[in-house]
Protein backbone atom coordinates (compact mmCIF):
# COMPACT_ATOMS: atom_id res chain seq x y z
CA MET A 1 -21.47 -20.55 23.77
CA LYS A 2 -25.02 -20.25 23.46
CA MET A 3 -28.21 -22.80 25.34
CA VAL A 4 -31.39 -23.68 23.10
CA VAL A 5 -33.73 -24.09 26.32
CA ALA A 6 -37.17 -25.64 25.00
CA TYR A 7 -40.74 -26.58 26.82
CA ILE A 8 -42.22 -28.93 24.80
CA GLU A 9 -45.13 -31.77 24.75
CA ARG A 10 -44.20 -35.01 26.00
CA GLU A 11 -44.33 -36.56 22.59
CA SER A 12 -42.73 -34.29 20.77
CA PHE A 13 -39.46 -34.82 22.67
CA ASP A 14 -38.35 -38.03 20.70
CA PRO A 15 -38.10 -36.57 17.25
CA ILE A 16 -36.86 -34.17 18.40
CA ARG A 17 -33.93 -35.92 20.13
CA GLU A 18 -33.43 -38.68 17.10
CA GLU A 19 -32.99 -35.57 14.25
CA LEU A 20 -30.85 -33.53 16.59
CA LEU A 21 -28.94 -36.94 17.13
CA GLY A 22 -28.38 -37.95 13.56
CA LEU A 23 -27.23 -34.57 13.04
CA GLY A 24 -24.04 -34.55 15.52
CA PHE A 25 -25.74 -33.19 18.78
CA LEU A 26 -24.63 -35.53 20.84
CA SER A 27 -25.99 -34.17 24.72
CA ILE A 28 -28.98 -33.30 24.85
CA SER A 29 -30.48 -32.23 28.58
CA ALA A 30 -34.25 -33.52 29.35
CA TRP A 31 -36.47 -33.98 32.46
CA ASP A 32 -40.14 -33.70 33.49
CA ALA A 33 -41.91 -30.11 33.66
CA SER A 34 -45.08 -28.53 33.80
CA GLY A 35 -46.22 -25.35 32.43
CA SER A 36 -49.04 -22.81 34.68
CA VAL A 37 -51.63 -22.83 32.41
CA ALA A 38 -55.10 -19.68 33.47
CA GLU A 39 -57.50 -22.31 32.49
CA PRO A 40 -58.09 -25.82 34.37
CA THR A 41 -56.53 -28.60 32.39
CA THR A 42 -58.15 -31.17 34.73
CA ILE A 43 -61.52 -30.46 37.46
CA VAL A 44 -62.42 -33.02 39.77
CA SER A 45 -64.52 -33.01 42.66
CA TYR A 46 -63.22 -35.18 45.68
CA ARG A 47 -65.66 -35.18 48.91
CA GLY A 48 -67.78 -32.34 48.14
CA ALA A 49 -64.42 -30.63 47.07
CA THR A 50 -63.51 -29.11 43.73
CA ILE A 51 -59.38 -29.32 42.24
CA GLU A 52 -58.77 -27.80 39.88
CA ASN A 53 -55.55 -28.48 37.98
CA HIS A 54 -53.70 -25.54 36.22
CA LEU A 55 -50.72 -27.46 34.85
CA ARG A 56 -50.11 -28.86 32.17
CA PRO A 57 -47.11 -31.28 31.89
CA LYS A 58 -43.81 -30.55 29.92
CA ILE A 59 -40.62 -31.75 28.87
CA ARG A 60 -37.61 -29.60 29.01
CA MET A 61 -35.26 -29.65 26.60
CA GLU A 62 -31.17 -28.31 27.46
CA CYS A 63 -28.40 -28.33 24.19
CA LEU A 64 -25.39 -26.28 24.83
CA LEU A 65 -23.67 -25.65 22.29
CA GLY A 66 -21.62 -23.08 19.91
CA ALA A 67 -23.48 -19.79 18.71
CA GLU A 68 -23.26 -20.86 14.95
CA HIS A 69 -25.42 -24.29 15.32
CA VAL A 70 -28.58 -22.39 17.17
CA SER A 71 -30.78 -22.03 14.68
CA THR A 72 -30.53 -26.18 13.32
CA VAL A 73 -31.41 -26.77 16.82
CA VAL A 74 -34.38 -24.15 17.21
CA GLU A 75 -35.58 -25.10 13.58
CA THR A 76 -35.08 -29.12 15.42
CA VAL A 77 -37.96 -27.71 17.72
CA LEU A 78 -39.84 -26.17 15.61
CA LYS A 79 -40.35 -28.40 13.19
CA HIS A 80 -41.50 -31.25 15.72
CA ALA A 81 -43.38 -29.19 18.50
CA PRO A 82 -45.35 -26.41 16.38
CA GLU A 83 -47.63 -26.44 19.25
CA ARG A 84 -47.81 -25.51 22.93
CA ARG A 85 -43.72 -25.30 23.25
CA LEU A 86 -41.40 -22.45 24.35
CA VAL A 87 -38.15 -22.34 22.77
CA PHE A 88 -35.30 -19.58 23.93
CA VAL A 89 -31.90 -18.94 23.44
CA THR A 90 -29.24 -18.07 26.46
CA SER A 91 -25.45 -17.31 26.69
CA VAL A 92 -23.42 -19.27 28.77
CA GLU A 93 -20.40 -17.42 29.67
CA GLN A 94 -18.08 -20.42 30.98
CA VAL A 95 -18.09 -24.21 30.27
CA PHE A 96 -16.52 -26.68 31.94
CA PRO A 97 -16.49 -29.30 28.86
CA THR A 98 -17.27 -32.85 28.48
CA ASP A 99 -16.25 -34.05 24.93
CA THR A 100 -20.28 -33.81 23.85
CA VAL A 101 -20.94 -30.43 23.79
CA ARG A 102 -20.42 -29.16 20.16
CA HIS A 103 -18.91 -26.11 19.14
CA GLY A 104 -18.08 -25.94 15.48
CA GLU A 105 -17.42 -28.84 13.72
CA ASP A 106 -15.32 -29.64 16.30
CA VAL A 107 -16.69 -31.85 19.93
CA ILE A 108 -14.61 -29.45 22.73
CA ALA A 109 -12.20 -32.34 24.23
CA ALA A 110 -12.84 -33.60 27.72
CA ALA A 111 -10.38 -31.54 30.61
CA GLY A 112 -8.44 -34.09 32.27
């Protein structure tokens, strides 16, 4: 099993999600994240003090799947998020499955 993790711009998430759902990847986790950058993204003054924000809003997306599907998910993310994205793949040693984890051509059955 593998897990693909991607940090993407917010506007890239919906096209990625729609394509992956169409390809049969039914379980995609996502939540708000922030990426730190060297140059400030905003600079404001408040009561005489300068405040710099070095965070850029992102979406962290995760998809758990069989190793044979990694390239499909990675290529989909790269196609819809061509800039300012980070995608990595990590091995998953053990999974306590749900009915939405895709492994091979099968969906792993829910325990219980």
